[in-house]
Amino acid sequence: MSTVRIEDHDAGVRLLTLDRPPANAIDEELLADLAAACTAAKHDDAVRAVVLTGAGRFLSAGFDLRVERREDADADRLAELYRDAHLALLELPKPTLAMVHGHAIAGGLVLALACDYRLGLDGDYKVGLNEVSIGASFPRVAMEIVRLRLTHARAAELLLGAALYPASQALRLGIVDELLPADKLESTVLRRAARMGAFPRESYAHTKAALIADAVRHVRAETPEEARAATAVWTTEESRAARAVQRKKLEG
């Protein structure tokens, strides 16, 4: 059973729902399913726009910290899957919109930022990039997505401050383009997706590719040694201790 549910709506809008309870945490299966869903949407002429959201109370909580420590080969494979899935979403040559209705934390927020446009629920949930606080490093594709979407000042606040913010701060931080009440969120997202999907597809694809070209080039230029150096940050004594504390909080 896929961890990404696919549902087609009017006007060629395809809804992709991350569905890996309880928090839609990122692992190898979810990354592979997301990459496959993005590739399918890319090649399906009936799909004009894609909406990404999450099931339950989360868009996504980021990497699954409950998974046992991976050996080097498995860590390398995870890094490759992470890069490929995020590039598949970022480069999808059709409008992509994130519907942020619940917690979007760490890698979960990066997924939202990988979309062209983001609409959020005006509600009670948290957003943030707290990787530094738990001893995690940012894969290059994640860093490039953050730098592409956010101003330097807001990126520095989120990345280096490593705090989780109430959703009410999402507009100030540049995480979402609008916050909407619960009774209008989904209908507005689907309507905006249909509007953007009605644009001439070649024009949209060409303009989008030019907009993200520098970020994509930087991601593809990363060497295996550079990728391993980023992964190695996870293995330091302080990093592992910080995640142990975080796991206890999650289990509590």
C-alpha atoms as a PDB file:
ATOM      1  CA  MET A   1       0.000   0.000   0.000  1.00  0.00           C
ATOM      2  CA  SER A   2       1.423   3.378  -1.033  1.00  0.00           C
ATOM      3  CA  THR A   3       2.230   6.045   1.521  1.00  0.00           C
ATOM      4  CA  VAL A   4       1.070   8.677  -0.997  1.00  0.00           C
ATOM      5  CA  ARG A   5      -2.637   8.671  -1.857  1.00  0.00           C
ATOM      6  CA  ILE A   6      -3.624   9.951  -5.309  1.00  0.00           C
ATOM      7  CA  GLU A   7      -6.967  11.606  -5.981  1.00  0.00           C
ATOM      8  CA  ASP A   8      -7.994  13.420  -9.155  1.00  0.00           C
ATOM      9  CA  HIS A   9     -10.256  16.487  -9.088  1.00  0.00           C
ATOM     10  CA  ASP A  10     -11.906  18.671 -11.703  1.00  0.00           C
ATOM     11  CA  ALA A  11      -9.850  20.716 -14.165  1.00  0.00           C
ATOM     12  CA  GLY A  12      -6.957  18.259 -14.087  1.00  0.00           C
ATOM     13  CA  VAL A  13      -5.978  18.898 -10.469  1.00  0.00           C
ATOM     14  CA  ARG A  14      -4.287  15.906  -8.830  1.00  0.00           C
ATOM     15  CA  LEU A  15      -4.162  15.749  -5.032  1.00  0.00           C
ATOM     16  CA  LEU A  16      -1.218  13.898  -3.482  1.00  0.00           C
ATOM     17  CA  THR A  17      -1.751  13.110   0.209  1.00  0.00           C
ATOM     18  CA  LEU A  18       1.136  11.889   2.349  1.00  0.00           C
ATOM     19  CA  ASP A  19      -0.358   9.058   4.397  1.00  0.00           C
ATOM     20  CA  ARG A  20       2.102   7.426   6.764  1.00  0.00           C
ATOM     21  CA  PRO A  21       0.554   7.581  10.248  1.00  0.00           C
ATOM     22  CA  PRO A  22       0.901   9.015  12.738  1.00  0.00           C
ATOM     23  CA  ALA A  23       3.009  11.943  11.476  1.00  0.00           C
ATOM     24  CA  ASN A  24       3.729  11.238   7.783  1.00  0.00           C
ATOM     25  CA  ALA A  25       7.391  10.986   8.761  1.00  0.00           C
ATOM     26  CA  ILE A  26       9.898  10.655   5.951  1.00  0.00           C
ATOM     27  CA  ASP A  27      11.545   7.302   5.255  1.00  0.00           C
ATOM     28  CA  GLU A  28      12.674   5.362   2.192  1.00  0.00           C
ATOM     29  CA  GLU A  29       9.174   4.153   1.337  1.00  0.00           C
ATOM     30  CA  LEU A  30       7.557   7.577   1.476  1.00  0.00           C
ATOM     31  CA  LEU A  31      10.348   9.131  -0.613  1.00  0.00           C
ATOM     32  CA  ALA A  32      10.073   6.433  -3.269  1.00  0.00           C
ATOM     33  CA  ASP A  33       6.278   6.734  -3.359  1.00  0.00           C
ATOM     34  CA  LEU A  34       6.438  10.519  -3.636  1.00  0.00           C
ATOM     35  CA  ALA A  35       8.987  10.391  -6.456  1.00  0.00           C
ATOM     36  CA  ALA A  36       6.823   7.865  -8.318  1.00  0.00           C
ATOM     37  CA  ALA A  37       3.700   9.995  -7.841  1.00  0.00           C
ATOM     38  CA  CYS A  38       5.473  13.104  -9.139  1.00  0.00           C
ATOM     39  CA  THR A  39       6.818  11.231 -12.153  1.00  0.00           C
ATOM     40  CA  ALA A  40       3.361   9.857 -12.935  1.00  0.00           C
ATOM     41  CA  ALA A  41       1.827  13.335 -12.713  1.00  0.00           C
ATOM     42  CA  LYS A  42       4.558  14.756 -14.935  1.00  0.00           C
ATOM     43  CA  HIS A  43       3.843  12.283 -17.733  1.00  0.00           C
ATOM     44  CA  ASP A  44       0.028  12.252 -17.476  1.00  0.00           C
ATOM     45  CA  ASP A  45      -1.339  14.834 -19.924  1.00  0.00           C
ATOM     46  CA  ALA A  46      -4.654  14.861 -18.068  1.00  0.00           C
ATOM     47  CA  VAL A  47      -2.917  16.306 -14.997  1.00  0.00           C
ATOM     48  CA  ARG A  48      -2.646  20.092 -15.192  1.00  0.00           C
ATOM     49  CA  ALA A  49      -1.647  20.882 -11.586  1.00  0.00           C
ATOM     50  CA  VAL A  50      -0.625  19.038  -8.416  1.00  0.00           C
ATOM     51  CA  VAL A  51      -1.583  19.720  -4.799  1.00  0.00           C
ATOM     52  CA  LEU A  52       0.506  18.230  -1.973  1.00  0.00           C
ATOM     53  CA  THR A  53      -0.920  17.764   1.519  1.00  0.00           C
ATOM     54  CA  GLY A  54      -0.832  15.328   4.424  1.00  0.00           C
ATOM     55  CA  ALA A  55      -3.315  13.055   6.151  1.00  0.00           C
ATOM     56  CA  GLY A  56      -4.255  13.661   9.763  1.00  0.00           C
ATOM     57  CA  ARG A  57      -2.744  16.424  11.907  1.00  0.00           C
ATOM     58  CA  PHE A  58       0.543  16.636   9.991  1.00  0.00           C
ATOM     59  CA  LEU A  59       1.752  17.636   6.599  1.00  0.00           C
ATOM     60  CA  SER A  60       4.911  15.838   7.725  1.00  0.00           C
ATOM     61  CA  ALA A  61       7.108  15.760  10.818  1.00  0.00           C
ATOM     62  CA  GLY A  62      10.270  15.326   8.749  1.00  0.00           C
ATOM     63  CA  PHE A  63      12.676  12.385   8.973  1.00  0.00           C
ATOM     64  CA  ASP A  64      11.473   9.415  10.998  1.00  0.00           C
ATOM     65  CA  LEU A  65      13.695   9.485  14.083  1.00  0.00           C
ATOM     66  CA  ARG A  66      12.343   6.164  15.329  1.00  0.00           C
ATOM     67  CA  VAL A  67      14.180   4.180  12.644  1.00  0.00           C
ATOM     68  CA  GLU A  68      17.247   2.260  13.759  1.00  0.00           C
ATOM     69  CA  ARG A  69      20.674   3.644  12.847  1.00  0.00           C
ATOM     70  CA  ARG A  70      21.487   2.999   9.195  1.00  0.00           C
ATOM     71  CA  GLU A  71      24.764   1.536   7.956  1.00  0.00           C
ATOM     72  CA  ASP A  72      26.811   3.569   5.469  1.00  0.00           C
ATOM     73  CA  ALA A  73      25.323   1.983   2.357  1.00  0.00           C
ATOM     74  CA  ASP A  74      21.777   2.446   3.644  1.00  0.00           C
ATOM     75  CA  ALA A  75      22.501   6.053   4.599  1.00  0.00           C
ATOM     76  CA  ASP A  76      23.841   6.717   1.094  1.00  0.00           C
ATOM     77  CA  ARG A  77      20.716   5.162  -0.426  1.00  0.00           C
ATOM     78  CA  LEU A  78      18.471   7.300   1.773  1.00  0.00           C
ATOM     79  CA  ALA A  79      20.352  10.432   0.713  1.00  0.00           C
ATOM     80  CA  GLU A  80      19.888   9.512  -2.952  1.00  0.00           C
ATOM     81  CA  LEU A  81      16.175   8.875  -2.488  1.00  0.00           C
ATOM     82  CA  TYR A  82      15.794  12.156  -0.631  1.00  0.00           C
ATOM     83  CA  ARG A  83      17.524  14.101  -3.417  1.00  0.00           C
ATOM     84  CA  ASP A  84      15.625  12.372  -6.211  1.00  0.00           C
ATOM     85  CA  ALA A  85      12.184  12.746  -4.594  1.00  0.00           C
ATOM     86  CA  HIS A  86      12.712  16.433  -3.870  1.00  0.00           C
ATOM     87  CA  LEU A  87      14.007  17.117  -7.360  1.00  0.00           C
ATOM     88  CA  ALA A  88      11.006  15.283  -8.812  1.00  0.00           C
ATOM     89  CA  LEU A  89       8.695  17.610  -6.875  1.00  0.00           C
ATOM     90  CA  LEU A  90      10.727  20.782  -7.395  1.00  0.00           C
ATOM     91  CA  GLU A  91      11.193  20.215 -11.147  1.00  0.00           C
ATOM     92  CA  LEU A  92       7.688  18.977 -11.900  1.00  0.00           C
ATOM     93  CA  PRO A  93       6.881  21.122 -14.981  1.00  0.00           C
ATOM     94  CA  LYS A  94       3.321  21.810 -13.846  1.00  0.00           C
ATOM     95  CA  PRO A  95       1.932  24.033 -11.099  1.00  0.00           C
ATOM     96  CA  THR A  96       2.479  22.551  -7.639  1.00  0.00           C
ATOM     97  CA  LEU A  97       0.686  23.840  -4.565  1.00  0.00           C
ATOM     98  CA  ALA A  98       1.149  22.833  -0.929  1.00  0.00           C
ATOM     99  CA  MET A  99      -1.939  22.721   1.286  1.00  0.00           C
ATOM    100  CA  VAL A 100      -0.463  23.125   4.770  1.00  0.00           C
ATOM    101  CA  HIS A 101      -3.241  22.193   7.183  1.00  0.00           C
ATOM    102  CA  GLY A 102      -1.152  20.817  10.065  1.00  0.00           C
ATOM    103  CA  HIS A 103       2.331  20.489  11.530  1.00  0.00           C
ATOM    104  CA  ALA A 104       5.056  21.024   8.909  1.00  0.00           C
ATOM    105  CA  ILE A 105       8.331  20.424  10.688  1.00  0.00           C
ATOM    106  CA  ALA A 106      11.919  20.041   9.435  1.00  0.00           C
ATOM    107  CA  GLY A 107      11.830  17.964   6.245  1.00  0.00           C
ATOM    108  CA  GLY A 108       8.060  18.277   6.218  1.00  0.00           C
ATOM    109  CA  LEU A 109       8.365  22.021   5.788  1.00  0.00           C
ATOM    110  CA  VAL A 110      10.992  21.529   3.077  1.00  0.00           C
ATOM    111  CA  LEU A 111       8.433  19.513   1.101  1.00  0.00           C
ATOM    112  CA  ALA A 112       5.994  22.412   1.294  1.00  0.00           C
ATOM    113  CA  LEU A 113       8.699  24.849   0.207  1.00  0.00           C
ATOM    114  CA  ALA A 114       9.483  22.650  -2.794  1.00  0.00           C
ATOM    115  CA  CYS A 115       6.046  23.558  -4.172  1.00  0.00           C
ATOM    116  CA  ASP A 116       5.478  26.639  -6.323  1.00  0.00           C
ATOM    117  CA  TYR A 117       2.748  28.095  -4.113  1.00  0.00           C
ATOM    118  CA  ARG A 118       1.716  27.447  -0.528  1.00  0.00           C
ATOM    119  CA  LEU A 119      -1.589  28.010   1.230  1.00  0.00           C
ATOM    120  CA  GLY A 120      -1.962  27.326   4.934  1.00  0.00           C
ATOM    121  CA  LEU A 121      -4.689  26.770   7.464  1.00  0.00           C
ATOM    122  CA  ASP A 122      -5.205  29.562   9.964  1.00  0.00           C
ATOM    123  CA  GLY A 123      -5.142  27.112  12.864  1.00  0.00           C
ATOM    124  CA  ASP A 124      -3.319  25.607  15.827  1.00  0.00           C
ATOM    125  CA  TYR A 125      -0.223  23.780  14.598  1.00  0.00           C
ATOM    126  CA  LYS A 126       3.540  24.266  14.349  1.00  0.00           C
ATOM    127  CA  VAL A 127       5.943  25.046  11.519  1.00  0.00           C
ATOM    128  CA  GLY A 128       9.712  25.254  11.556  1.00  0.00           C
ATOM    129  CA  LEU A 129      13.112  23.940  10.556  1.00  0.00           C
ATOM    130  CA  ASN A 130      14.515  22.510  13.784  1.00  0.00           C
ATOM    131  CA  GLU A 131      17.248  20.281  12.329  1.00  0.00           C
ATOM    132  CA  VAL A 132      20.116  22.095  14.068  1.00  0.00           C
ATOM    133  CA  SER A 133      18.541  21.523  17.478  1.00  0.00           C
ATOM    134  CA  ILE A 134      18.445  17.748  16.951  1.00  0.00           C
ATOM    135  CA  GLY A 135      21.906  17.393  15.402  1.00  0.00           C
ATOM    136  CA  ALA A 136      20.750  16.909  11.838  1.00  0.00           C
ATOM    137  CA  SER A 137      22.350  18.342   8.721  1.00  0.00           C
ATOM    138  CA  PHE A 138      20.533  19.653   5.675  1.00  0.00           C
ATOM    139  CA  PRO A 139      20.962  17.701   2.448  1.00  0.00           C
ATOM    140  CA  ARG A 140      22.017  20.066  -0.306  1.00  0.00           C
ATOM    141  CA  VAL A 141      18.663  19.775  -2.078  1.00  0.00           C
ATOM    142  CA  ALA A 142      16.884  20.860   1.115  1.00  0.00           C
ATOM    143  CA  MET A 143      19.210  23.828   1.599  1.00  0.00           C
ATOM    144  CA  GLU A 144      18.769  24.939  -1.996  1.00  0.00           C
ATOM    145  CA  ILE A 145      14.986  24.737  -1.690  1.00  0.00           C
ATOM    146  CA  VAL A 146      15.056  26.856   1.462  1.00  0.00           C
ATOM    147  CA  ARG A 147      17.353  29.421  -0.157  1.00  0.00           C
ATOM    148  CA  LEU A 148      15.176  29.509  -3.264  1.00  0.00           C
ATOM    149  CA  ARG A 149      11.927  30.201  -1.418  1.00  0.00           C
ATOM    150  CA  LEU A 150      12.911  32.335   1.587  1.00  0.00           C
ATOM    151  CA  THR A 151      14.793  35.575   2.073  1.00  0.00           C
ATOM    152  CA  HIS A 152      18.220  35.233   3.655  1.00  0.00           C
ATOM    153  CA  ALA A 153      16.999  36.820   6.899  1.00  0.00           C
ATOM    154  CA  ARG A 154      14.027  34.489   7.273  1.00  0.00           C
ATOM    155  CA  ALA A 155      16.067  31.438   6.252  1.00  0.00           C
ATOM    156  CA  ALA A 156      18.699  32.292   8.870  1.00  0.00           C
ATOM    157  CA  GLU A 157      16.007  32.758  11.529  1.00  0.00           C
ATOM    158  CA  LEU A 158      14.451  29.389  10.761  1.00  0.00           C
ATOM    159  CA  LEU A 159      17.619  27.381  10.133  1.00  0.00           C
ATOM    160  CA  LEU A 160      19.920  28.731  12.836  1.00  0.00           C
ATOM    161  CA  GLY A 161      17.274  29.538  15.432  1.00  0.00           C
ATOM    162  CA  ALA A 162      15.837  26.031  14.952  1.00  0.00           C
ATOM    163  CA  ALA A 163      12.571  27.001  16.663  1.00  0.00           C
ATOM    164  CA  LEU A 164       9.064  25.757  16.045  1.00  0.00           C
ATOM    165  CA  TYR A 165       6.592  28.558  15.437  1.00  0.00           C
ATOM    166  CA  PRO A 166       2.814  28.782  15.676  1.00  0.00           C
ATOM    167  CA  ALA A 167       1.136  28.728  12.282  1.00  0.00           C
ATOM    168  CA  SER A 168       0.186  32.371  12.766  1.00  0.00           C
ATOM    169  CA  GLN A 169       3.867  33.226  12.075  1.00  0.00           C
ATOM    170  CA  ALA A 170       3.952  31.400   8.729  1.00  0.00           C
ATOM    171  CA  LEU A 171       3.097  34.503   6.702  1.00  0.00           C
ATOM    172  CA  ARG A 172       5.770  36.641   8.359  1.00  0.00           C
ATOM    173  CA  LEU A 173       8.355  33.934   7.790  1.00  0.00           C
ATOM    174  CA  GLY A 174       7.411  33.573   4.120  1.00  0.00           C
ATOM    175  CA  ILE A 175       6.468  29.927   4.551  1.00  0.00           C
ATOM    176  CA  VAL A 176       2.966  30.356   3.123  1.00  0.00           C
ATOM    177  CA  ASP A 177       1.466  32.874   0.728  1.00  0.00           C
ATOM    178  CA  GLU A 178      -1.870  33.012   2.554  1.00  0.00           C
ATOM    179  CA  LEU A 179      -3.552  31.672   5.697  1.00  0.00           C
ATOM    180  CA  LEU A 180      -7.177  30.668   5.289  1.00  0.00           C
ATOM    181  CA  PRO A 181      -9.984  29.458   7.588  1.00  0.00           C
ATOM    182  CA  ALA A 182     -10.744  25.744   7.657  1.00  0.00           C
ATOM    183  CA  ASP A 183     -14.002  26.075   5.735  1.00  0.00           C
ATOM    184  CA  LYS A 184     -12.246  27.769   2.790  1.00  0.00           C
ATOM    185  CA  LEU A 185      -8.806  26.149   2.650  1.00  0.00           C
ATOM    186  CA  GLU A 186      -9.363  23.115   0.414  1.00  0.00           C
ATOM    187  CA  SER A 187     -11.782  24.813  -1.967  1.00  0.00           C
ATOM    188  CA  THR A 188      -9.431  27.767  -2.365  1.00  0.00           C
ATOM    189  CA  VAL A 189      -6.404  25.546  -2.966  1.00  0.00           C
ATOM    190  CA  LEU A 190      -8.238  23.499  -5.592  1.00  0.00           C
ATOM    191  CA  ARG A 191      -9.535  26.653  -7.279  1.00  0.00           C
ATOM    192  CA  ARG A 192      -6.057  28.235  -7.381  1.00  0.00           C
ATOM    193  CA  ALA A 193      -4.587  24.994  -8.706  1.00  0.00           C
ATOM    194  CA  ALA A 194      -7.199  24.867 -11.466  1.00  0.00           C
ATOM    195  CA  ARG A 195      -6.475  28.494 -12.404  1.00  0.00           C
ATOM    196  CA  MET A 196      -2.727  27.905 -12.607  1.00  0.00           C
ATOM    197  CA  GLY A 197      -3.217  24.623 -14.411  1.00  0.00           C
ATOM    198  CA  ALA A 198      -5.189  26.394 -17.134  1.00  0.00           C
ATOM    199  CA  PHE A 199      -2.132  28.417 -18.196  1.00  0.00           C
ATOM    200  CA  PRO A 200      -0.453  27.240 -21.423  1.00  0.00           C
ATOM    201  CA  ARG A 201       1.640  24.334 -20.170  1.00  0.00           C
ATOM    202  CA  GLU A 202       4.751  25.033 -22.259  1.00  0.00           C
ATOM    203  CA  SER A 203       4.923  28.623 -21.050  1.00  0.00           C
ATOM    204  CA  TYR A 204       4.546  27.602 -17.400  1.00  0.00           C
ATOM    205  CA  ALA A 205       7.111  24.820 -17.666  1.00  0.00           C
ATOM    206  CA  HIS A 206       9.700  27.038 -19.366  1.00  0.00           C
ATOM    207  CA  THR A 207       9.300  29.876 -16.877  1.00  0.00           C
ATOM    208  CA  LYS A 208       9.406  27.531 -13.881  1.00  0.00           C
ATOM    209  CA  ALA A 209      12.542  25.782 -15.156  1.00  0.00           C
ATOM    210  CA  ALA A 210      14.301  29.138 -15.541  1.00  0.00           C
ATOM    211  CA  LEU A 211      13.242  30.223 -12.052  1.00  0.00           C
ATOM    212  CA  ILE A 212      14.670  27.153 -10.323  1.00  0.00           C
ATOM    213  CA  ALA A 213      17.633  26.564 -12.652  1.00  0.00           C
ATOM    214  CA  ASP A 214      20.368  27.818 -10.316  1.00  0.00           C
ATOM    215  CA  ALA A 215      19.096  25.776  -7.384  1.00  0.00           C
ATOM    216  CA  VAL A 216      18.833  22.610  -9.472  1.00  0.00           C
ATOM    217  CA  ARG A 217      22.324  23.137 -10.903  1.00  0.00           C
ATOM    218  CA  HIS A 218      23.794  23.436  -7.410  1.00  0.00           C
ATOM    219  CA  VAL A 219      22.054  20.249  -6.309  1.00  0.00           C
ATOM    220  CA  ARG A 220      23.258  18.252  -9.308  1.00  0.00           C
ATOM    221  CA  ALA A 221      26.806  19.541  -8.874  1.00  0.00           C
ATOM    222  CA  GLU A 222      27.161  17.980  -5.424  1.00  0.00           C
ATOM    223  CA  THR A 223      29.865  15.320  -5.270  1.00  0.00           C
ATOM    224  CA  PRO A 224      29.469  12.019  -3.390  1.00  0.00           C
ATOM    225  CA  GLU A 225      32.136  13.216  -0.949  1.00  0.00           C
ATOM    226  CA  GLU A 226      30.185  16.393  -0.208  1.00  0.00           C
ATOM    227  CA  ALA A 227      27.002  14.404   0.335  1.00  0.00           C
ATOM    228  CA  ARG A 228      28.770  12.030   2.733  1.00  0.00           C
ATOM    229  CA  ALA A 229      30.230  14.971   4.654  1.00  0.00           C
ATOM    230  CA  ALA A 230      26.700  16.265   5.245  1.00  0.00           C
ATOM    231  CA  THR A 231      25.494  12.824   6.316  1.00  0.00           C
ATOM    232  CA  ALA A 232      28.434  12.505   8.728  1.00  0.00           C
ATOM    233  CA  VAL A 233      27.075  15.398  10.786  1.00  0.00           C
ATOM    234  CA  TRP A 234      24.346  13.033  11.981  1.00  0.00           C
ATOM    235  CA  THR A 235      26.899  10.635  13.481  1.00  0.00           C
ATOM    236  CA  THR A 236      28.725  12.911  15.944  1.00  0.00           C
ATOM    237  CA  GLU A 237      28.332  12.255  19.652  1.00  0.00           C
ATOM    238  CA  GLU A 238      26.460  15.511  20.306  1.00  0.00           C
ATOM    239  CA  SER A 239      24.129  14.960  17.356  1.00  0.00           C
ATOM    240  CA  ARG A 240      23.203  11.457  18.475  1.00  0.00           C
ATOM    241  CA  ALA A 241      22.627  12.661  22.041  1.00  0.00           C
ATOM    242  CA  ALA A 242      20.338  15.445  20.824  1.00  0.00           C
ATOM    243  CA  ARG A 243      18.227  12.998  18.804  1.00  0.00           C
ATOM    244  CA  ALA A 244      18.045  10.605  21.748  1.00  0.00           C
ATOM    245  CA  VAL A 245      16.477  13.390  23.783  1.00  0.00           C
ATOM    246  CA  GLN A 246      14.070  14.154  20.933  1.00  0.00           C
ATOM    247  CA  ARG A 247      13.056  10.480  20.632  1.00  0.00           C
ATOM    248  CA  LYS A 248      12.236  10.370  24.335  1.00  0.00           C
ATOM    249  CA  LYS A 249       9.992  13.402  23.892  1.00  0.00           C
ATOM    250  CA  LEU A 250       8.213  11.726  20.990  1.00  0.00           C
ATOM    251  CA  GLU A 251       7.774   8.478  22.895  1.00  0.00           C
ATOM    252  CA  GLY A 252       6.555  10.310  25.992  1.00  0.00           C
END
